[in-house]
């Protein structure tokens, strides 16, 4: 099938996915580029439709992906370059744009927290007012990459299925368990009730990141770069954690800071596992 008109209903539908309201209504997001469409398929997501260029279909990798999509039941259509550019959100589209089905994050609760202890890294991120899609996507990518149990989102945080967040997360938003709460304080209270510690990431925090015992189940709260975490969360906090810095920089970008804290947690976990292995071998 070939589409040439910008008024085609399928093209209009894809363009609507650039807007959060329509993403929620349609239960879908916009995924661009061969790699990320492949990631969506590998994650078991339904790719409802995809449009691609002639050049994309002519490449071996592109042709292979189109065959996989056809086998999965995806509606496919070739479009001129100009039409793909009108649908894509990137300046240099990579030949294919797809509509991928997504689920609304589940509400937090005891059953959701129950998965934390069995995760590779018993840590959940609470994204409190993180507004930049690139930062949010980077945090989700780091969380998945380091084995975290998942992430919780609250009102005021950017949509994890924003096209820029999808790209920045390298598809992690399609795989990492996500949950939602009506407020950051509600999520923190729920986590404490389930037995998790709650640490607030703050530049002026009183506890250095390497002094926190990240081996225990933890909810790590990261907030807006300008205003920080919600004040109401403080009443549920175990403490405030900071990354000690040398020099004149007062704080780090939220995505960088969150990644460093996730890495420190993973490092401690790895040291514990290594120590346990050595003890077993010694026996």
C-alpha atoms as a PDB file:
ATOM      1  CA  UNK A   1       0.000   0.000   0.000  1.00  0.00           C
ATOM      2  CA  UNK A   2       1.192   3.533  -0.793  1.00  0.00           C
ATOM      3  CA  UNK A   3      -0.088   6.761   0.802  1.00  0.00           C
ATOM      4  CA  UNK A   4       0.655  10.165  -0.755  1.00  0.00           C
ATOM      5  CA  UNK A   5      -1.895  12.523   0.811  1.00  0.00           C
ATOM      6  CA  UNK A   6      -1.393  14.247   4.194  1.00  0.00           C
ATOM      7  CA  UNK A   7      -5.184  14.061   4.578  1.00  0.00           C
ATOM      8  CA  UNK A   8      -5.144  10.263   4.699  1.00  0.00           C
ATOM      9  CA  UNK A   9      -6.774   9.108   7.985  1.00  0.00           C
ATOM     10  CA  UNK A  10      -3.754   6.988   8.911  1.00  0.00           C
ATOM     11  CA  UNK A  11      -1.393   9.949   8.480  1.00  0.00           C
ATOM     12  CA  UNK A  12      -3.703  12.156  10.541  1.00  0.00           C
ATOM     13  CA  UNK A  13      -3.798   9.522  13.278  1.00  0.00           C
ATOM     14  CA  UNK A  14      -0.008   9.315  13.420  1.00  0.00           C
ATOM     15  CA  UNK A  15       0.298  13.089  13.667  1.00  0.00           C
ATOM     16  CA  UNK A  16      -2.189  13.126  16.552  1.00  0.00           C
ATOM     17  CA  UNK A  17       0.182  10.910  18.533  1.00  0.00           C
ATOM     18  CA  UNK A  18       2.472  13.909  18.929  1.00  0.00           C
ATOM     19  CA  UNK A  19      -0.080  15.206  21.453  1.00  0.00           C
ATOM     20  CA  UNK A  20      -0.394  13.659  24.943  1.00  0.00           C
ATOM     21  CA  UNK A  21      -4.171  13.940  24.999  1.00  0.00           C
ATOM     22  CA  UNK A  22      -4.475  11.838  21.874  1.00  0.00           C
ATOM     23  CA  UNK A  23      -1.819   9.370  23.023  1.00  0.00           C
ATOM     24  CA  UNK A  24      -3.882   8.659  26.127  1.00  0.00           C
ATOM     25  CA  UNK A  25      -7.135   8.433  24.171  1.00  0.00           C
ATOM     26  CA  UNK A  26      -5.662   6.068  21.577  1.00  0.00           C
ATOM     27  CA  UNK A  27      -3.529   4.089  24.037  1.00  0.00           C
ATOM     28  CA  UNK A  28      -0.496   4.447  21.804  1.00  0.00           C
ATOM     29  CA  UNK A  29       2.731   6.301  21.198  1.00  0.00           C
ATOM     30  CA  UNK A  30       4.808   7.321  18.193  1.00  0.00           C
ATOM     31  CA  UNK A  31       8.013   5.350  17.659  1.00  0.00           C
ATOM     32  CA  UNK A  32      10.566   6.434  15.066  1.00  0.00           C
ATOM     33  CA  UNK A  33      13.522   4.660  13.528  1.00  0.00           C
ATOM     34  CA  UNK A  34      14.359   1.035  12.778  1.00  0.00           C
ATOM     35  CA  UNK A  35      16.099   0.349  16.090  1.00  0.00           C
ATOM     36  CA  UNK A  36      13.261   1.587  18.264  1.00  0.00           C
ATOM     37  CA  UNK A  37      10.547  -0.132  16.224  1.00  0.00           C
ATOM     38  CA  UNK A  38      12.561  -3.350  16.572  1.00  0.00           C
ATOM     39  CA  UNK A  39      12.746  -2.717  20.334  1.00  0.00           C
ATOM     40  CA  UNK A  40       8.965  -2.335  20.482  1.00  0.00           C
ATOM     41  CA  UNK A  41       8.475  -5.661  18.702  1.00  0.00           C
ATOM     42  CA  UNK A  42      11.014  -7.368  20.940  1.00  0.00           C
ATOM     43  CA  UNK A  43       9.222  -6.001  24.012  1.00  0.00           C
ATOM     44  CA  UNK A  44       6.030  -7.731  22.864  1.00  0.00           C
ATOM     45  CA  UNK A  45       4.233  -4.478  22.072  1.00  0.00           C
ATOM     46  CA  UNK A  46       1.579  -4.383  19.383  1.00  0.00           C
ATOM     47  CA  UNK A  47       2.751  -2.244  16.475  1.00  0.00           C
ATOM     48  CA  UNK A  48      -0.569  -1.200  15.023  1.00  0.00           C
ATOM     49  CA  UNK A  49       0.666   0.562  11.901  1.00  0.00           C
ATOM     50  CA  UNK A  50       3.869   1.850  10.332  1.00  0.00           C
ATOM     51  CA  UNK A  51       4.740   4.083   7.403  1.00  0.00           C
ATOM     52  CA  UNK A  52       8.106   3.909   5.685  1.00  0.00           C
ATOM     53  CA  UNK A  53      10.006   5.296   2.719  1.00  0.00           C
ATOM     54  CA  UNK A  54      11.073   3.536  -0.449  1.00  0.00           C
ATOM     55  CA  UNK A  55      14.731   3.855   0.553  1.00  0.00           C
ATOM     56  CA  UNK A  56      14.028   2.234   3.921  1.00  0.00           C
ATOM     57  CA  UNK A  57      12.319  -0.742   2.273  1.00  0.00           C
ATOM     58  CA  UNK A  58      15.245  -1.113  -0.139  1.00  0.00           C
ATOM     59  CA  UNK A  59      17.792  -1.589   2.642  1.00  0.00           C
ATOM     60  CA  UNK A  60      18.359  -5.168   3.892  1.00  0.00           C
ATOM     61  CA  UNK A  61      17.732  -4.231   7.537  1.00  0.00           C
ATOM     62  CA  UNK A  62      14.637  -2.227   6.621  1.00  0.00           C
ATOM     63  CA  UNK A  63      13.218  -5.023   4.485  1.00  0.00           C
ATOM     64  CA  UNK A  64      13.790  -7.525   7.310  1.00  0.00           C
ATOM     65  CA  UNK A  65      11.933  -5.317   9.794  1.00  0.00           C
ATOM     66  CA  UNK A  66       9.030  -4.826   7.387  1.00  0.00           C
ATOM     67  CA  UNK A  67       8.733  -8.599   6.989  1.00  0.00           C
ATOM     68  CA  UNK A  68       8.673  -9.014  10.770  1.00  0.00           C
ATOM     69  CA  UNK A  69       6.022  -6.310  11.101  1.00  0.00           C
ATOM     70  CA  UNK A  70       3.880  -7.879   8.383  1.00  0.00           C
ATOM     71  CA  UNK A  71       4.129 -11.235  10.151  1.00  0.00           C
ATOM     72  CA  UNK A  72       2.996  -9.553  13.374  1.00  0.00           C
ATOM     73  CA  UNK A  73      -0.096  -8.133  11.662  1.00  0.00           C
ATOM     74  CA  UNK A  74       1.044  -4.509  11.422  1.00  0.00           C
ATOM     75  CA  UNK A  75      -0.659  -2.356   8.787  1.00  0.00           C
ATOM     76  CA  UNK A  76       2.093  -1.081   6.508  1.00  0.00           C
ATOM     77  CA  UNK A  77       2.209   1.744   3.978  1.00  0.00           C
ATOM     78  CA  UNK A  78       4.961   3.302   1.895  1.00  0.00           C
ATOM     79  CA  UNK A  79       5.022   7.119   1.881  1.00  0.00           C
ATOM     80  CA  UNK A  80       7.094   9.818   0.127  1.00  0.00           C
ATOM     81  CA  UNK A  81       9.948  11.332   2.122  1.00  0.00           C
ATOM     82  CA  UNK A  82       8.062  14.607   2.577  1.00  0.00           C
ATOM     83  CA  UNK A  83       5.117  12.808   4.176  1.00  0.00           C
ATOM     84  CA  UNK A  84       7.321  10.879   6.585  1.00  0.00           C
ATOM     85  CA  UNK A  85       8.940  14.167   7.588  1.00  0.00           C
ATOM     86  CA  UNK A  86       5.492  15.620   8.292  1.00  0.00           C
ATOM     87  CA  UNK A  87       4.656  12.732  10.625  1.00  0.00           C
ATOM     88  CA  UNK A  88       8.031  12.395  12.376  1.00  0.00           C
ATOM     89  CA  UNK A  89       9.141  14.535  15.307  1.00  0.00           C
ATOM     90  CA  UNK A  90      12.873  14.283  14.545  1.00  0.00           C
ATOM     91  CA  UNK A  91      14.737  16.634  12.203  1.00  0.00           C
ATOM     92  CA  UNK A  92      16.235  13.728  10.270  1.00  0.00           C
ATOM     93  CA  UNK A  93      13.707  10.853  10.186  1.00  0.00           C
ATOM     94  CA  UNK A  94      15.192   7.388   9.860  1.00  0.00           C
ATOM     95  CA  UNK A  95      12.821   5.972   7.280  1.00  0.00           C
ATOM     96  CA  UNK A  96      10.048   4.520   9.434  1.00  0.00           C
ATOM     97  CA  UNK A  97       7.457   5.805  11.917  1.00  0.00           C
ATOM     98  CA  UNK A  98       5.122   3.490  13.811  1.00  0.00           C
ATOM     99  CA  UNK A  99       2.108   3.564  16.105  1.00  0.00           C
ATOM    100  CA  UNK A 100       2.814   1.330  19.102  1.00  0.00           C
ATOM    101  CA  UNK A 101       0.200   0.344  21.664  1.00  0.00           C
ATOM    102  CA  UNK A 102       1.001   1.238  25.286  1.00  0.00           C
ATOM    103  CA  UNK A 103      -0.721   0.724  28.616  1.00  0.00           C
ATOM    104  CA  UNK A 104      -1.626   3.326  31.194  1.00  0.00           C
ATOM    105  CA  UNK A 105       0.722   2.818  34.196  1.00  0.00           C
ATOM    106  CA  UNK A 106      -0.907   0.819  37.000  1.00  0.00           C
ATOM    107  CA  UNK A 107      -1.749   2.482  40.325  1.00  0.00           C
ATOM    108  CA  UNK A 108       0.761   1.894  43.114  1.00  0.00           C
ATOM    109  CA  UNK A 109      -0.240  -0.559  45.816  1.00  0.00           C
ATOM    110  CA  UNK A 110       1.094  -3.370  47.971  1.00  0.00           C
ATOM    111  CA  UNK A 111       1.001  -5.857  45.082  1.00  0.00           C
ATOM    112  CA  UNK A 112       3.007  -3.490  42.879  1.00  0.00           C
ATOM    113  CA  UNK A 113       5.629  -2.889  45.591  1.00  0.00           C
ATOM    114  CA  UNK A 114       5.876  -6.638  46.113  1.00  0.00           C
ATOM    115  CA  UNK A 115       7.972  -6.992  42.970  1.00  0.00           C
ATOM    116  CA  UNK A 116      10.743  -4.780  44.351  1.00  0.00           C
ATOM    117  CA  UNK A 117      12.495  -7.354  46.537  1.00  0.00           C
ATOM    118  CA  UNK A 118      12.769  -9.839  43.677  1.00  0.00           C
ATOM    119  CA  UNK A 119      14.263  -7.332  41.236  1.00  0.00           C
ATOM    120  CA  UNK A 120      17.924  -7.415  40.280  1.00  0.00           C
ATOM    121  CA  UNK A 121      18.197  -4.027  41.988  1.00  0.00           C
ATOM    122  CA  UNK A 122      15.545  -3.503  44.730  1.00  0.00           C
ATOM    123  CA  UNK A 123      14.986   0.140  43.865  1.00  0.00           C
ATOM    124  CA  UNK A 124      12.097   2.105  42.394  1.00  0.00           C
ATOM    125  CA  UNK A 125      12.409   5.609  40.971  1.00  0.00           C
ATOM    126  CA  UNK A 126       9.744   8.166  41.862  1.00  0.00           C
ATOM    127  CA  UNK A 127       9.783  10.818  39.145  1.00  0.00           C
ATOM    128  CA  UNK A 128       8.347  13.892  40.847  1.00  0.00           C
ATOM    129  CA  UNK A 129       7.825  16.771  38.443  1.00  0.00           C
ATOM    130  CA  UNK A 130      10.499  15.753  35.909  1.00  0.00           C
ATOM    131  CA  UNK A 131       9.311  17.816  32.960  1.00  0.00           C
ATOM    132  CA  UNK A 132      11.895  17.339  30.227  1.00  0.00           C
ATOM    133  CA  UNK A 133      11.199  14.258  28.050  1.00  0.00           C
ATOM    134  CA  UNK A 134      14.902  13.719  27.412  1.00  0.00           C
ATOM    135  CA  UNK A 135      15.711  13.684  31.131  1.00  0.00           C
ATOM    136  CA  UNK A 136      12.847  11.340  31.916  1.00  0.00           C
ATOM    137  CA  UNK A 137      13.796   8.984  29.105  1.00  0.00           C
ATOM    138  CA  UNK A 138      17.425   8.939  30.239  1.00  0.00           C
ATOM    139  CA  UNK A 139      16.382   8.083  33.800  1.00  0.00           C
ATOM    140  CA  UNK A 140      14.194   5.217  32.605  1.00  0.00           C
ATOM    141  CA  UNK A 141      17.010   3.942  30.398  1.00  0.00           C
ATOM    142  CA  UNK A 142      19.443   3.982  33.330  1.00  0.00           C
ATOM    143  CA  UNK A 143      16.879   2.341  35.623  1.00  0.00           C
ATOM    144  CA  UNK A 144      16.322  -0.539  33.230  1.00  0.00           C
ATOM    145  CA  UNK A 145      19.978  -0.866  32.371  1.00  0.00           C
ATOM    146  CA  UNK A 146      20.992  -1.166  36.028  1.00  0.00           C
ATOM    147  CA  UNK A 147      18.198  -3.596  36.889  1.00  0.00           C
ATOM    148  CA  UNK A 148      15.844  -1.375  38.900  1.00  0.00           C
ATOM    149  CA  UNK A 149      12.385  -2.684  39.750  1.00  0.00           C
ATOM    150  CA  UNK A 150      10.499   0.127  38.018  1.00  0.00           C
ATOM    151  CA  UNK A 151       9.399   3.752  38.186  1.00  0.00           C
ATOM    152  CA  UNK A 152       6.434   5.690  39.573  1.00  0.00           C
ATOM    153  CA  UNK A 153       5.059   8.803  37.898  1.00  0.00           C
ATOM    154  CA  UNK A 154       2.861  11.546  39.364  1.00  0.00           C
ATOM    155  CA  UNK A 155       0.981  14.556  37.941  1.00  0.00           C
ATOM    156  CA  UNK A 156       3.405  17.227  36.791  1.00  0.00           C
ATOM    157  CA  UNK A 157       5.810  14.669  35.327  1.00  0.00           C
ATOM    158  CA  UNK A 158       6.099  14.464  31.558  1.00  0.00           C
ATOM    159  CA  UNK A 159       4.402  11.605  29.728  1.00  0.00           C
ATOM    160  CA  UNK A 160       6.800   8.608  29.588  1.00  0.00           C
ATOM    161  CA  UNK A 161       5.431   7.886  26.119  1.00  0.00           C
ATOM    162  CA  UNK A 162       6.284  11.304  24.721  1.00  0.00           C
ATOM    163  CA  UNK A 163       8.155  10.562  21.448  1.00  0.00           C
ATOM    164  CA  UNK A 164      11.311  12.265  22.775  1.00  0.00           C
ATOM    165  CA  UNK A 165      11.116  10.240  25.992  1.00  0.00           C
ATOM    166  CA  UNK A 166      10.737   7.031  23.984  1.00  0.00           C
ATOM    167  CA  UNK A 167      13.906   7.851  22.025  1.00  0.00           C
ATOM    168  CA  UNK A 168      15.891   8.983  25.084  1.00  0.00           C
ATOM    169  CA  UNK A 169      14.894   5.828  26.948  1.00  0.00           C
ATOM    170  CA  UNK A 170      16.044   3.638  24.035  1.00  0.00           C
ATOM    171  CA  UNK A 171      12.709   1.861  24.368  1.00  0.00           C
ATOM    172  CA  UNK A 172      13.074   1.280  28.136  1.00  0.00           C
ATOM    173  CA  UNK A 173       9.703   2.956  28.698  1.00  0.00           C
ATOM    174  CA  UNK A 174       8.149   0.068  26.752  1.00  0.00           C
ATOM    175  CA  UNK A 175       9.738  -2.567  29.019  1.00  0.00           C
ATOM    176  CA  UNK A 176      10.326  -1.138  32.505  1.00  0.00           C
ATOM    177  CA  UNK A 177       7.378  -1.622  34.925  1.00  0.00           C
ATOM    178  CA  UNK A 178       5.683   1.756  35.411  1.00  0.00           C
ATOM    179  CA  UNK A 179       3.148   2.819  38.021  1.00  0.00           C
ATOM    180  CA  UNK A 180       1.303   6.018  38.865  1.00  0.00           C
ATOM    181  CA  UNK A 181       0.102   7.851  41.955  1.00  0.00           C
ATOM    182  CA  UNK A 182      -2.041  10.939  42.430  1.00  0.00           C
ATOM    183  CA  UNK A 183       0.763  12.685  44.338  1.00  0.00           C
ATOM    184  CA  UNK A 184       4.396  12.087  45.261  1.00  0.00           C
ATOM    185  CA  UNK A 185       3.527  12.045  48.977  1.00  0.00           C
ATOM    186  CA  UNK A 186       0.925   9.340  48.345  1.00  0.00           C
ATOM    187  CA  UNK A 187       3.489   7.176  46.553  1.00  0.00           C
ATOM    188  CA  UNK A 188       6.058   7.708  49.310  1.00  0.00           C
ATOM    189  CA  UNK A 189       3.545   6.816  52.034  1.00  0.00           C
ATOM    190  CA  UNK A 190       2.540   3.699  50.120  1.00  0.00           C
ATOM    191  CA  UNK A 191       6.188   2.675  49.733  1.00  0.00           C
ATOM    192  CA  UNK A 192       6.908   3.135  53.450  1.00  0.00           C
ATOM    193  CA  UNK A 193       3.828   1.085  54.325  1.00  0.00           C
ATOM    194  CA  UNK A 194       5.181  -1.686  52.099  1.00  0.00           C
ATOM    195  CA  UNK A 195       8.516  -1.661  53.935  1.00  0.00           C
ATOM    196  CA  UNK A 196      10.650   0.420  51.574  1.00  0.00           C
ATOM    197  CA  UNK A 197      13.002   3.166  52.623  1.00  0.00           C
ATOM    198  CA  UNK A 198      12.356   6.535  50.953  1.00  0.00           C
ATOM    199  CA  UNK A 199      15.368   8.631  49.997  1.00  0.00           C
ATOM    200  CA  UNK A 200      15.035  12.113  48.502  1.00  0.00           C
ATOM    201  CA  UNK A 201      17.722  13.150  46.020  1.00  0.00           C
ATOM    202  CA  UNK A 202      18.722  16.721  46.905  1.00  0.00           C
ATOM    203  CA  UNK A 203      21.840  18.728  46.152  1.00  0.00           C
ATOM    204  CA  UNK A 204      21.936  19.865  49.791  1.00  0.00           C
ATOM    205  CA  UNK A 205      21.144  16.448  51.231  1.00  0.00           C
ATOM    206  CA  UNK A 206      22.848  15.548  54.492  1.00  0.00           C
ATOM    207  CA  UNK A 207      23.790  11.959  53.541  1.00  0.00           C
ATOM    208  CA  UNK A 208      26.410  11.154  50.898  1.00  0.00           C
ATOM    209  CA  UNK A 209      25.255   8.659  48.284  1.00  0.00           C
ATOM    210  CA  UNK A 210      27.879   6.085  49.323  1.00  0.00           C
ATOM    211  CA  UNK A 211      26.666   6.197  52.951  1.00  0.00           C
ATOM    212  CA  UNK A 212      23.163   4.975  52.058  1.00  0.00           C
ATOM    213  CA  UNK A 213      22.558   1.218  52.246  1.00  0.00           C
ATOM    214  CA  UNK A 214      21.093   0.755  48.788  1.00  0.00           C
ATOM    215  CA  UNK A 215      20.947  -3.020  49.228  1.00  0.00           C
ATOM    216  CA  UNK A 216      17.609  -2.664  51.023  1.00  0.00           C
ATOM    217  CA  UNK A 217      14.358  -2.020  49.107  1.00  0.00           C
ATOM    218  CA  UNK A 218      14.306   1.690  48.355  1.00  0.00           C
ATOM    219  CA  UNK A 219      12.123   4.326  46.732  1.00  0.00           C
ATOM    220  CA  UNK A 220      14.425   6.998  45.289  1.00  0.00           C
ATOM    221  CA  UNK A 221      12.664  10.327  44.702  1.00  0.00           C
ATOM    222  CA  UNK A 222      14.089  12.650  42.049  1.00  0.00           C
ATOM    223  CA  UNK A 223      12.418  15.956  41.310  1.00  0.00           C
ATOM    224  CA  UNK A 224      12.252  18.998  39.118  1.00  0.00           C
ATOM    225  CA  UNK A 225      15.645  20.642  38.559  1.00  0.00           C
ATOM    226  CA  UNK A 226      14.273  24.036  39.535  1.00  0.00           C
ATOM    227  CA  UNK A 227      12.018  23.296  42.501  1.00  0.00           C
ATOM    228  CA  UNK A 228      13.244  19.867  43.605  1.00  0.00           C
ATOM    229  CA  UNK A 229      10.947  17.241  45.115  1.00  0.00           C
ATOM    230  CA  UNK A 230       7.517  18.065  46.507  1.00  0.00           C
ATOM    231  CA  UNK A 231       7.742  19.397  50.096  1.00  0.00           C
ATOM    232  CA  UNK A 232       4.955  17.037  51.192  1.00  0.00           C
ATOM    233  CA  UNK A 233       7.210  14.033  50.528  1.00  0.00           C
ATOM    234  CA  UNK A 234       9.599  15.042  53.323  1.00  0.00           C
ATOM    235  CA  UNK A 235       7.271  13.689  56.013  1.00  0.00           C
ATOM    236  CA  UNK A 236       7.654  10.188  54.581  1.00  0.00           C
ATOM    237  CA  UNK A 237      11.400  10.324  53.900  1.00  0.00           C
ATOM    238  CA  UNK A 238      14.041   8.126  55.466  1.00  0.00           C
ATOM    239  CA  UNK A 239      16.575  10.821  54.577  1.00  0.00           C
ATOM    240  CA  UNK A 240      17.981  13.141  51.941  1.00  0.00           C
ATOM    241  CA  UNK A 241      20.811  11.881  49.775  1.00  0.00           C
ATOM    242  CA  UNK A 242      23.337  13.992  47.896  1.00  0.00           C
ATOM    243  CA  UNK A 243      26.206  13.449  45.479  1.00  0.00           C
ATOM    244  CA  UNK A 244      29.231  15.220  46.985  1.00  0.00           C
ATOM    245  CA  UNK A 245      30.805  17.499  44.390  1.00  0.00           C
ATOM    246  CA  UNK A 246      34.175  19.230  44.189  1.00  0.00           C
ATOM    247  CA  UNK A 247      34.467  22.638  42.570  1.00  0.00           C
ATOM    248  CA  UNK A 248      32.000  25.381  41.808  1.00  0.00           C
ATOM    249  CA  UNK A 249      29.121  23.282  40.433  1.00  0.00           C
ATOM    250  CA  UNK A 250      26.249  23.296  42.905  1.00  0.00           C
ATOM    251  CA  UNK A 251      24.206  20.494  41.414  1.00  0.00           C
ATOM    252  CA  UNK A 252      23.912  18.090  38.515  1.00  0.00           C
ATOM    253  CA  UNK A 253      21.320  17.650  35.803  1.00  0.00           C
ATOM    254  CA  UNK A 254      18.520  15.436  37.196  1.00  0.00           C
ATOM    255  CA  UNK A 255      19.171  12.678  34.668  1.00  0.00           C
ATOM    256  CA  UNK A 256      22.884  12.646  35.464  1.00  0.00           C
ATOM    257  CA  UNK A 257      22.290  12.719  39.225  1.00  0.00           C
ATOM    258  CA  UNK A 258      19.685   9.963  39.068  1.00  0.00           C
ATOM    259  CA  UNK A 259      21.975   7.788  36.966  1.00  0.00           C
ATOM    260  CA  UNK A 260      24.849   8.211  39.420  1.00  0.00           C
ATOM    261  CA  UNK A 261      22.622   7.232  42.340  1.00  0.00           C
ATOM    262  CA  UNK A 262      21.318   4.216  40.455  1.00  0.00           C
ATOM    263  CA  UNK A 263      24.874   3.171  39.680  1.00  0.00           C
ATOM    264  CA  UNK A 264      25.929   3.494  43.318  1.00  0.00           C
ATOM    265  CA  UNK A 265      22.997   1.299  44.316  1.00  0.00           C
ATOM    266  CA  UNK A 266      23.928  -1.279  41.667  1.00  0.00           C
ATOM    267  CA  UNK A 267      27.594  -1.135  42.738  1.00  0.00           C
ATOM    268  CA  UNK A 268      26.703  -1.915  46.351  1.00  0.00           C
ATOM    269  CA  UNK A 269      24.461  -4.751  45.235  1.00  0.00           C
ATOM    270  CA  UNK A 270      27.238  -6.206  43.066  1.00  0.00           C
ATOM    271  CA  UNK A 271      29.749  -6.028  45.933  1.00  0.00           C
ATOM    272  CA  UNK A 272      27.325  -7.865  48.197  1.00  0.00           C
ATOM    273  CA  UNK A 273      26.807 -10.594  45.604  1.00  0.00           C
ATOM    274  CA  UNK A 274      30.551 -10.933  45.064  1.00  0.00           C
ATOM    275  CA  UNK A 275      31.169 -11.205  48.807  1.00  0.00           C
ATOM    276  CA  UNK A 276      28.488 -13.877  49.135  1.00  0.00           C
ATOM    277  CA  UNK A 277      30.062 -15.840  46.266  1.00  0.00           C
ATOM    278  CA  UNK A 278      33.518 -15.687  47.826  1.00  0.00           C
ATOM    279  CA  UNK A 279      32.118 -16.826  51.182  1.00  0.00           C
ATOM    280  CA  UNK A 280      30.398 -19.797  49.511  1.00  0.00           C
ATOM    281  CA  UNK A 281      33.541 -20.765  47.625  1.00  0.00           C
ATOM    282  CA  UNK A 282      35.518 -20.498  50.853  1.00  0.00           C
ATOM    283  CA  UNK A 283      33.232 -23.001  52.492  1.00  0.00           C
END
